[in-house]
C-alpha atoms as a PDB file:
ATOM      1  CA  MET A   1       0.027  -0.024  -0.014  1.00  0.00           C
ATOM      2  CA  LEU A   2       1.227   3.461  -0.883  1.00  0.00           C
ATOM      3  CA  LYS A   3       2.552   5.260   2.209  1.00  0.00           C
ATOM      4  CA  LEU A   4       1.785   8.971   2.492  1.00  0.00           C
ATOM      5  CA  GLU A   5       2.747  11.342   5.267  1.00  0.00           C
ATOM      6  CA  LYS A   6       0.728  14.401   6.277  1.00  0.00           C
ATOM      7  CA  ALA A   7       3.811  16.478   5.547  1.00  0.00           C
ATOM      8  CA  GLN A   8       3.494  15.499   1.886  1.00  0.00           C
ATOM      9  CA  ILE A   9      -0.042  16.926   1.580  1.00  0.00           C
ATOM     10  CA  PHE A  10      -0.603  20.571   0.698  1.00  0.00           C
ATOM     11  CA  LEU A  11      -4.172  21.763   1.022  1.00  0.00           C
ATOM     12  CA  GLN A  12      -5.827  25.035  -0.056  1.00  0.00           C
ATOM     13  CA  GLN A  13      -3.236  25.854  -2.753  1.00  0.00           C
ATOM     14  CA  GLU A  14      -3.696  28.252  -5.683  1.00  0.00           C
ATOM     15  CA  ALA A  15      -2.298  28.337  -9.185  1.00  0.00           C
ATOM     16  CA  LYS A  16      -3.324  30.579 -12.056  1.00  0.00           C
ATOM     17  CA  SER A  17      -2.139  28.205 -14.792  1.00  0.00           C
ATOM     18  CA  LYS A  18      -1.004  24.632 -15.376  1.00  0.00           C
ATOM     19  CA  GLN A  19       2.550  25.873 -15.541  1.00  0.00           C
ATOM     20  CA  GLU A  20       2.235  27.380 -12.104  1.00  0.00           C
ATOM     21  CA  ALA A  21       0.752  24.167 -10.795  1.00  0.00           C
ATOM     22  CA  LEU A  22       3.606  22.151 -12.279  1.00  0.00           C
ATOM     23  CA  GLN A  23       6.166  24.476 -10.708  1.00  0.00           C
ATOM     24  CA  LEU A  24       4.439  24.129  -7.358  1.00  0.00           C
ATOM     25  CA  ALA A  25       4.428  20.367  -7.654  1.00  0.00           C
ATOM     26  CA  GLY A  26       8.161  20.340  -8.380  1.00  0.00           C
ATOM     27  CA  LYS A  27       8.862  22.724  -5.566  1.00  0.00           C
ATOM     28  CA  LYS A  28       7.009  20.564  -3.040  1.00  0.00           C
ATOM     29  CA  MET A  29       8.669  17.380  -4.279  1.00  0.00           C
ATOM     30  CA  LEU A  30      12.032  19.144  -3.776  1.00  0.00           C
ATOM     31  CA  GLU A  31      11.076  20.502  -0.285  1.00  0.00           C
ATOM     32  CA  THR A  32       9.941  17.093   0.964  1.00  0.00           C
ATOM     33  CA  GLY A  33      13.214  15.422  -0.101  1.00  0.00           C
ATOM     34  CA  LEU A  34      11.771  13.222  -2.835  1.00  0.00           C
ATOM     35  CA  VAL A  35      13.951  14.619  -5.607  1.00  0.00           C
ATOM     36  CA  SER A  36      16.889  16.862  -6.362  1.00  0.00           C
ATOM     37  CA  ALA A  37      16.579  19.976  -8.523  1.00  0.00           C
ATOM     38  CA  ASP A  38      17.653  18.041 -11.631  1.00  0.00           C
ATOM     39  CA  TYR A  39      14.268  16.256 -11.597  1.00  0.00           C
ATOM     40  CA  LEU A  40      12.158  19.425 -11.999  1.00  0.00           C
ATOM     41  CA  PRO A  41      12.711  20.207 -15.741  1.00  0.00           C
ATOM     42  CA  GLY A  42      11.462  16.766 -16.621  1.00  0.00           C
ATOM     43  CA  ILE A  43       8.086  17.506 -15.091  1.00  0.00           C
ATOM     44  CA  HIS A  44       7.514  20.223 -17.647  1.00  0.00           C
ATOM     45  CA  THR A  45       8.994  18.212 -20.497  1.00  0.00           C
ATOM     46  CA  ARG A  46       6.726  15.284 -19.675  1.00  0.00           C
ATOM     47  CA  GLU A  47       3.674  17.518 -19.884  1.00  0.00           C
ATOM     48  CA  THR A  48       4.547  18.758 -23.361  1.00  0.00           C
ATOM     49  CA  LEU A  49       4.581  15.223 -24.644  1.00  0.00           C
ATOM     50  CA  ALA A  50       1.162  14.213 -23.305  1.00  0.00           C
ATOM     51  CA  SER A  51      -1.090  15.563 -20.666  1.00  0.00           C
ATOM     52  CA  THR A  52      -0.952  13.988 -17.209  1.00  0.00           C
ATOM     53  CA  PHE A  53      -4.624  14.753 -16.668  1.00  0.00           C
ATOM     54  CA  LEU A  54      -6.541  11.614 -15.770  1.00  0.00           C
ATOM     55  CA  ASP A  55     -10.223  12.220 -14.983  1.00  0.00           C
ATOM     56  CA  HIS A  56     -12.370  13.380 -12.144  1.00  0.00           C
ATOM     57  CA  GLY A  57     -10.250  16.431 -11.558  1.00  0.00           C
ATOM     58  CA  ILE A  58      -6.969  14.567 -11.044  1.00  0.00           C
ATOM     59  CA  ALA A  59      -3.577  15.080 -12.633  1.00  0.00           C
ATOM     60  CA  ILE A  60      -0.339  13.110 -12.008  1.00  0.00           C
ATOM     61  CA  PRO A  61       2.594  15.326 -12.894  1.00  0.00           C
ATOM     62  CA  HIS A  62       5.891  13.425 -12.981  1.00  0.00           C
ATOM     63  CA  GLY A  63       9.282  13.551 -14.669  1.00  0.00           C
ATOM     64  CA  MET A  64      10.930  11.638 -17.528  1.00  0.00           C
ATOM     65  CA  PRO A  65      12.664   8.264 -17.238  1.00  0.00           C
ATOM     66  CA  GLU A  66      16.035   9.927 -18.020  1.00  0.00           C
ATOM     67  CA  HIS A  67      15.690  12.044 -14.868  1.00  0.00           C
ATOM     68  CA  ARG A  68      15.235   9.105 -12.462  1.00  0.00           C
ATOM     69  CA  HIS A  69      18.768   9.551 -11.278  1.00  0.00           C
ATOM     70  CA  ALA A  70      17.491  12.704  -9.499  1.00  0.00           C
ATOM     71  CA  ILE A  71      14.947  10.805  -7.454  1.00  0.00           C
ATOM     72  CA  LYS A  72      16.127  10.342  -3.842  1.00  0.00           C
ATOM     73  CA  LYS A  73      13.195   8.169  -2.755  1.00  0.00           C
ATOM     74  CA  THR A  74       9.950   6.959  -4.143  1.00  0.00           C
ATOM     75  CA  GLY A  75       6.897   8.892  -3.027  1.00  0.00           C
ATOM     76  CA  ILE A  76       4.285  11.392  -3.877  1.00  0.00           C
ATOM     77  CA  VAL A  77       3.091  14.817  -2.878  1.00  0.00           C
ATOM     78  CA  VAL A  78      -0.599  15.794  -2.976  1.00  0.00           C
ATOM     79  CA  ILE A  79      -1.551  19.283  -3.857  1.00  0.00           C
ATOM     80  CA  GLN A  80      -5.122  20.430  -3.517  1.00  0.00           C
ATOM     81  CA  PHE A  81      -6.552  23.230  -5.641  1.00  0.00           C
ATOM     82  CA  PRO A  82     -10.028  23.882  -4.331  1.00  0.00           C
ATOM     83  CA  GLU A  83     -10.748  26.508  -7.022  1.00  0.00           C
ATOM     84  CA  GLY A  84      -9.337  24.267  -9.751  1.00  0.00           C
ATOM     85  CA  VAL A  85      -6.626  24.756 -12.342  1.00  0.00           C
ATOM     86  CA  GLU A  86      -7.315  24.719 -16.056  1.00  0.00           C
ATOM     87  CA  TRP A  87      -5.249  21.812 -17.419  1.00  0.00           C
ATOM     88  CA  GLY A  88      -6.604  21.568 -20.933  1.00  0.00           C
ATOM     89  CA  LEU A  89      -9.772  21.938 -22.914  1.00  0.00           C
ATOM     90  CA  ASP A  90     -12.651  21.082 -20.540  1.00  0.00           C
ATOM     91  CA  GLN A  91     -10.097  19.803 -18.063  1.00  0.00           C
ATOM     92  CA  HIS A  92      -9.895  21.243 -14.509  1.00  0.00           C
ATOM     93  CA  VAL A  93      -7.667  19.758 -11.890  1.00  0.00           C
ATOM     94  CA  PHE A  94      -8.511  19.894  -8.169  1.00  0.00           C
ATOM     95  CA  LEU A  95      -5.975  17.331  -6.992  1.00  0.00           C
ATOM     96  CA  ALA A  96      -2.435  16.997  -8.385  1.00  0.00           C
ATOM     97  CA  PHE A  97      -0.332  13.993  -7.291  1.00  0.00           C
ATOM     98  CA  GLY A  98       3.381  14.739  -7.948  1.00  0.00           C
ATOM     99  CA  ILE A  99       5.037  11.351  -8.477  1.00  0.00           C
ATOM    100  CA  ALA A 100       8.656  10.380  -7.955  1.00  0.00           C
ATOM    101  CA  ALA A 101       9.309   6.708  -8.577  1.00  0.00           C
ATOM    102  CA  GLN A 102      12.317   4.623  -9.381  1.00  0.00           C
ATOM    103  CA  CYS A 103      12.182   1.793 -11.915  1.00  0.00           C
ATOM    104  CA  ASN A 104       8.683   0.242 -12.252  1.00  0.00           C
ATOM    105  CA  GLU A 105       7.544   1.592  -8.898  1.00  0.00           C
ATOM    106  CA  HIS A 106       5.607   4.262 -10.710  1.00  0.00           C
ATOM    107  CA  LEU A 107       3.182   1.695 -12.101  1.00  0.00           C
ATOM    108  CA  ARG A 108       2.384   0.452  -8.600  1.00  0.00           C
ATOM    109  CA  ILE A 109       1.783   4.016  -7.479  1.00  0.00           C
ATOM    110  CA  LEU A 110      -0.323   4.836 -10.470  1.00  0.00           C
ATOM    111  CA  SER A 111      -2.356   1.696 -10.126  1.00  0.00           C
ATOM    112  CA  GLY A 112      -2.990   2.436  -6.432  1.00  0.00           C
ATOM    113  CA  LEU A 113      -3.994   6.003  -7.156  1.00  0.00           C
ATOM    114  CA  THR A 114      -6.339   5.199 -10.014  1.00  0.00           C
ATOM    115  CA  ARG A 115      -8.057   2.296  -8.267  1.00  0.00           C
ATOM    116  CA  VAL A 116      -8.739   4.281  -5.147  1.00  0.00           C
ATOM    117  CA  LEU A 117      -9.493   7.637  -6.768  1.00  0.00           C
ATOM    118  CA  ASP A 118     -11.659   6.420  -9.670  1.00  0.00           C
ATOM    119  CA  ASN A 119     -14.611   7.366  -7.518  1.00  0.00           C
ATOM    120  CA  ARG A 120     -16.327  10.694  -8.294  1.00  0.00           C
ATOM    121  CA  PRO A 121     -17.817  11.376  -4.864  1.00  0.00           C
ATOM    122  CA  LEU A 122     -14.475  10.542  -3.205  1.00  0.00           C
ATOM    123  CA  CYS A 123     -12.586  12.866  -5.538  1.00  0.00           C
ATOM    124  CA  SER A 124     -15.015  15.691  -4.879  1.00  0.00           C
ATOM    125  CA  TYR A 125     -14.717  15.153  -1.184  1.00  0.00           C
ATOM    126  CA  LEU A 126     -10.901  15.092  -1.163  1.00  0.00           C
ATOM    127  CA  ALA A 127     -10.729  18.152  -3.452  1.00  0.00           C
ATOM    128  CA  ARG A 128     -12.330  20.267  -0.702  1.00  0.00           C
ATOM    129  CA  THR A 129     -11.378  18.669   2.555  1.00  0.00           C
ATOM    130  CA  ARG A 130      -9.409  20.755   5.003  1.00  0.00           C
ATOM    131  CA  GLU A 131      -8.131  17.665   6.870  1.00  0.00           C
ATOM    132  CA  PRO A 132      -4.984  16.061   5.480  1.00  0.00           C
ATOM    133  CA  ASP A 133      -5.792  12.895   7.485  1.00  0.00           C
ATOM    134  CA  ARG A 134      -8.787  12.300   5.152  1.00  0.00           C
ATOM    135  CA  ILE A 135      -6.446  12.021   2.147  1.00  0.00           C
ATOM    136  CA  VAL A 136      -4.091   9.672   4.029  1.00  0.00           C
ATOM    137  CA  ASP A 137      -7.083   7.556   5.062  1.00  0.00           C
ATOM    138  CA  ALA A 138      -8.402   7.381   1.488  1.00  0.00           C
ATOM    139  CA  LEU A 139      -5.127   6.219   0.037  1.00  0.00           C
ATOM    140  CA  GLU A 140      -4.784   3.624   2.795  1.00  0.00           C
ATOM    141  CA  GLY A 141      -8.224   2.299   2.056  1.00  0.00           C
ATOM    142  CA  LYS A 142      -9.824   3.374   5.315  1.00  0.00           C
ATOM    143  CA  PRO A 143     -13.537   4.260   5.284  1.00  0.00           C
ATOM    144  CA  LEU A 144     -14.491   7.931   5.119  1.00  0.00           C
ATOM    145  CA  PRO A 145     -17.723   9.302   6.518  1.00  0.00           C
ATOM    146  CA  GLY A 146     -20.544   8.474   4.138  1.00  0.00           C
ATOM    147  CA  LEU A 147     -18.228   7.123   1.474  1.00  0.00           C
ATOM    148  CA  GLY A 148     -17.901   3.454   2.433  1.00  0.00           C
ATOM    149  CA  SER A 149     -14.911   1.084   2.712  1.00  0.00           C
ATOM    150  CA  LEU A 150     -12.107   0.181   0.287  1.00  0.00           C
ATOM    151  CA  SER A 151     -13.842  -3.048  -0.711  1.00  0.00           C
ATOM    152  CA  GLU A 152     -16.972  -1.087  -1.531  1.00  0.00           C
ATOM    153  CA  TRP A 153     -14.904   1.355  -3.586  1.00  0.00           C
ATOM    154  CA  GLN A 154     -13.215  -1.487  -5.500  1.00  0.00           C
ATOM    155  CA  LYS A 155     -16.604  -3.099  -6.155  1.00  0.00           C
ATOM    156  CA  ALA A 156     -17.903   0.220  -7.383  1.00  0.00           C
ATOM    157  CA  TYR A 157     -14.761   0.664  -9.496  1.00  0.00           C
ATOM    158  CA  LEU A 158     -15.367  -2.659 -11.282  1.00  0.00           C
ATOM    159  CA  ASN A 159     -19.090  -1.904 -11.729  1.00  0.00           C
ATOM    160  CA  GLN A 160     -18.261   1.489 -13.106  1.00  0.00           C
ATOM    161  CA  SER A 161     -15.709   0.040 -15.452  1.00  0.00           C
ATOM    162  CA  GLN A 162     -18.324  -2.329 -16.818  1.00  0.00           C
ATOM    163  CA  ARG A 163     -20.906   0.454 -17.192  1.00  0.00           C
ATOM    164  CA  GLU A 164     -18.459   2.673 -19.071  1.00  0.00           C
ATOM    165  CA  THR A 165     -17.462  -0.190 -21.313  1.00  0.00           C
ATOM    166  CA  CYS A 166     -21.103  -0.844 -22.168  1.00  0.00           C
ATOM    167  CA  GLU A 167     -22.336   2.725 -22.165  1.00  0.00           C
ATOM    168  CA  ARG A 168     -19.815   5.530 -22.582  1.00  0.00           C
ATOM    169  CA  GLY A 169     -16.884   3.467 -23.763  1.00  0.00           C
ATOM    170  CA  TRP A 170     -18.537   2.976 -27.169  1.00  0.00           C
ATOM    171  CA  VAL A 171     -21.528   4.532 -28.888  1.00  0.00           C
ATOM    172  CA  SER A 172     -21.904   3.109 -32.350  1.00  0.00           C
ATOM    173  CA  ARG A 173     -22.492   5.485 -35.160  1.00  0.00           C
ATOM    174  CA  SER A 174     -23.488   2.631 -37.420  1.00  0.00           C
ATOM    175  CA  ARG A 175     -26.404   0.267 -37.508  1.00  0.00           C
ATOM    176  CA  SER A 176     -24.287  -2.474 -39.041  1.00  0.00           C
ATOM    177  CA  LYS A 177     -23.646  -5.627 -37.049  1.00  0.00           C
ATOM    178  CA  ALA A 178     -20.702  -5.199 -34.732  1.00  0.00           C
ATOM    179  CA  ARG A 179     -17.629  -7.383 -35.421  1.00  0.00           C
ATOM    180  CA  GLU A 180     -15.609  -8.528 -32.429  1.00  0.00           C
ATOM    181  CA  LEU A 181     -11.861  -9.173 -32.645  1.00  0.00           C
ATOM    182  CA  SER A 182      -9.362  -9.993 -29.882  1.00  0.00           C
ATOM    183  CA  ARG A 183      -5.626  -9.797 -29.646  1.00  0.00           C
ATOM    184  CA  GLU A 184      -2.966 -10.186 -26.980  1.00  0.00           C
ATOM    185  CA  TYR A 185       0.197  -8.071 -26.834  1.00  0.00           C
ATOM    186  CA  VAL A 186       3.366  -8.449 -24.779  1.00  0.00           C
ATOM    187  CA  ILE A 187       4.435  -5.122 -23.295  1.00  0.00           C
ATOM    188  CA  HIS A 188       8.038  -4.468 -24.401  1.00  0.00           C
ATOM    189  CA  ASN A 189       8.391  -0.975 -23.077  1.00  0.00           C
ATOM    190  CA  CYS A 190      10.943  -1.172 -20.221  1.00  0.00           C
ATOM    191  CA  ASN A 191       8.781   1.214 -18.210  1.00  0.00           C
ATOM    192  CA  GLY A 192       5.669  -0.822 -18.668  1.00  0.00           C
ATOM    193  CA  LEU A 193       2.338   0.629 -19.778  1.00  0.00           C
ATOM    194  CA  HIS A 194       2.847   4.053 -18.288  1.00  0.00           C
ATOM    195  CA  ALA A 195       0.806   7.261 -18.726  1.00  0.00           C
ATOM    196  CA  ARG A 196       2.379   8.296 -22.009  1.00  0.00           C
ATOM    197  CA  CYS A 197       1.860   4.808 -23.502  1.00  0.00           C
ATOM    198  CA  GLY A 198      -1.750   4.859 -22.304  1.00  0.00           C
ATOM    199  CA  SER A 199      -2.319   8.243 -23.913  1.00  0.00           C
ATOM    200  CA  ALA A 200      -0.839   6.948 -27.181  1.00  0.00           C
ATOM    201  CA  PHE A 201      -3.088   3.886 -27.063  1.00  0.00           C
ATOM    202  CA  ILE A 202      -6.209   5.999 -26.612  1.00  0.00           C
ATOM    203  CA  SER A 203      -5.186   8.518 -29.272  1.00  0.00           C
ATOM    204  CA  ALA A 204      -4.556   5.702 -31.814  1.00  0.00           C
ATOM    205  CA  LEU A 205      -8.155   4.631 -31.521  1.00  0.00           C
ATOM    206  CA  THR A 206      -9.818   8.014 -31.403  1.00  0.00           C
ATOM    207  CA  ASP A 207     -11.309   7.945 -34.929  1.00  0.00           C
ATOM    208  CA  TYR A 208     -12.548   4.378 -34.936  1.00  0.00           C
ATOM    209  CA  ASP A 209     -16.202   3.579 -34.268  1.00  0.00           C
ATOM    210  CA  MET A 210     -16.074   0.651 -31.817  1.00  0.00           C
ATOM    211  CA  ARG A 211     -16.006  -0.479 -28.232  1.00  0.00           C
ATOM    212  CA  VAL A 212     -12.574  -1.068 -26.711  1.00  0.00           C
ATOM    213  CA  ASP A 213     -12.091  -3.498 -23.802  1.00  0.00           C
ATOM    214  CA  VAL A 214      -8.697  -4.179 -22.153  1.00  0.00           C
ATOM    215  CA  ARG A 215      -7.337  -6.397 -19.452  1.00  0.00           C
ATOM    216  CA  ASN A 216      -4.109  -7.599 -17.840  1.00  0.00           C
ATOM    217  CA  VAL A 217      -3.938 -11.188 -19.071  1.00  0.00           C
ATOM    218  CA  SER A 218      -0.861 -11.936 -16.940  1.00  0.00           C
ATOM    219  CA  LYS A 219      -2.805 -11.139 -13.750  1.00  0.00           C
ATOM    220  CA  ASN A 220      -6.055 -12.730 -15.025  1.00  0.00           C
ATOM    221  CA  GLY A 221      -7.761  -9.347 -14.754  1.00  0.00           C
ATOM    222  CA  GLU A 222     -11.234  -8.314 -15.757  1.00  0.00           C
ATOM    223  CA  TYR A 223     -11.966  -6.349 -18.934  1.00  0.00           C
ATOM    224  CA  VAL A 224     -12.274  -2.591 -18.433  1.00  0.00           C
ATOM    225  CA  ASN A 225     -12.899   0.389 -20.691  1.00  0.00           C
ATOM    226  CA  GLY A 226      -9.870   0.769 -22.959  1.00  0.00           C
ATOM    227  CA  ARG A 227     -10.739   4.401 -23.817  1.00  0.00           C
ATOM    228  CA  SER A 228     -10.148   5.485 -20.215  1.00  0.00           C
ATOM    229  CA  LEU A 229      -6.611   6.397 -19.200  1.00  0.00           C
ATOM    230  CA  VAL A 230      -7.541   5.757 -15.592  1.00  0.00           C
ATOM    231  CA  LYS A 231      -8.587   2.217 -16.387  1.00  0.00           C
ATOM    232  CA  LEU A 232      -5.475   1.559 -18.543  1.00  0.00           C
ATOM    233  CA  LEU A 233      -3.100   2.682 -15.809  1.00  0.00           C
ATOM    234  CA  GLY A 234      -5.099   0.651 -13.316  1.00  0.00           C
ATOM    235  CA  LEU A 235      -4.042  -2.519 -15.148  1.00  0.00           C
ATOM    236  CA  GLU A 236      -0.531  -2.059 -13.737  1.00  0.00           C
ATOM    237  CA  LEU A 237       1.130  -3.690 -16.797  1.00  0.00           C
ATOM    238  CA  VAL A 238       4.867  -4.037 -16.442  1.00  0.00           C
ATOM    239  CA  CYS A 239       7.407  -4.983 -19.090  1.00  0.00           C
ATOM    240  CA  GLY A 240       6.864  -8.575 -20.144  1.00  0.00           C
ATOM    241  CA  GLU A 241       3.232  -8.826 -19.070  1.00  0.00           C
ATOM    242  CA  VAL A 242       0.441  -9.313 -21.625  1.00  0.00           C
ATOM    243  CA  LEU A 243      -2.289  -6.806 -22.563  1.00  0.00           C
ATOM    244  CA  GLY A 244      -5.516  -8.314 -23.796  1.00  0.00           C
ATOM    245  CA  VAL A 245      -7.562  -6.161 -26.239  1.00  0.00           C
ATOM    246  CA  ARG A 246     -11.052  -6.795 -27.414  1.00  0.00           C
ATOM    247  CA  LEU A 247     -12.529  -4.612 -30.135  1.00  0.00           C
ATOM    248  CA  SER A 248     -16.184  -4.557 -31.179  1.00  0.00           C
ATOM    249  CA  GLY A 249     -17.532  -2.484 -34.016  1.00  0.00           C
ATOM    250  CA  GLN A 250     -17.469  -1.731 -37.758  1.00  0.00           C
ATOM    251  CA  HIS A 251     -13.872  -0.417 -37.602  1.00  0.00           C
ATOM    252  CA  ALA A 252     -12.467  -3.289 -35.517  1.00  0.00           C
ATOM    253  CA  THR A 253     -10.307  -4.717 -38.314  1.00  0.00           C
ATOM    254  CA  ALA A 254      -8.728  -1.340 -39.227  1.00  0.00           C
ATOM    255  CA  ALA A 255      -8.209  -0.500 -35.598  1.00  0.00           C
ATOM    256  CA  LEU A 256      -6.482  -3.750 -34.944  1.00  0.00           C
ATOM    257  CA  LYS A 257      -3.996  -3.069 -37.699  1.00  0.00           C
ATOM    258  CA  ARG A 258      -3.238   0.284 -36.117  1.00  0.00           C
ATOM    259  CA  LEU A 259      -2.749  -1.382 -32.699  1.00  0.00           C
ATOM    260  CA  ASP A 260      -0.455  -4.032 -34.219  1.00  0.00           C
ATOM    261  CA  LYS A 261       1.861  -1.291 -35.465  1.00  0.00           C
ATOM    262  CA  LEU A 262       1.635   0.765 -32.240  1.00  0.00           C
ATOM    263  CA  LEU A 263       2.290  -2.167 -29.822  1.00  0.00           C
ATOM    264  CA  SER A 264       4.913  -3.954 -32.010  1.00  0.00           C
ATOM    265  CA  GLU A 265       6.898  -0.941 -33.390  1.00  0.00           C
ATOM    266  CA  GLU A 266       6.167   2.204 -31.443  1.00  0.00           C
ATOM    267  CA  PHE A 267       5.354   1.323 -27.809  1.00  0.00           C
ATOM    268  CA  ALA A 268       8.881   0.370 -26.842  1.00  0.00           C
ATOM    269  CA  SER A 269      10.253   3.834 -27.521  1.00  0.00           C
ATOM    270  CA  ILE A 270       7.401   5.929 -26.100  1.00  0.00           C
END
């Protein structure tokens, strides 16, 4: 379980822009001893390559793999922006989790964050709480007033994943009979299926009319909505593990060809 100290939580913060928020995240990671100053430029570089916005008002700013030498210890800082920060078009961040992780530890952290925080009422609650203990409790899976236990959140997470897969994950624009295709891919990226890989996966399928389901075959996981970055990161796929993909829709064949190219030729260098 991810360990978080109250000294790593910064409530009631303000930032006028995403750049200010990134600077603040870097500053707090530096002040709490997670990183040295060499890590900070990578936080801004990472954001130019793909947004670290997840969903439900959450962003996960972090550095580049080439800056891991500047990480002193694995950990996170939590920065709360009650008024929100504009992160992109129709994207407002209320909780930023600055991540410093060595090797594949970042996947464990991301998986833990996404599984616990993929809960809209919980995110709304944590975005406005004035008690740092509440954020610590949430990440440790302790029940919060009126929000239930970790097991209830995890059950809701799976149910929500299934609903999104069936409802919002795919809305067919065609009345033709849906075609279903499946494929399994070994993850060859040394950093696993990290946030930038997940963004590339989603972007590659943007223009295709179909439903996308994904699962971690190596961990015998359930299918979840493959158009959600939160769900993709929640798979916690490390290098060498197998991603299962199921496509349903009129563009399934064309989309599978695009995924073949992405996963076999491009993923390793993202």
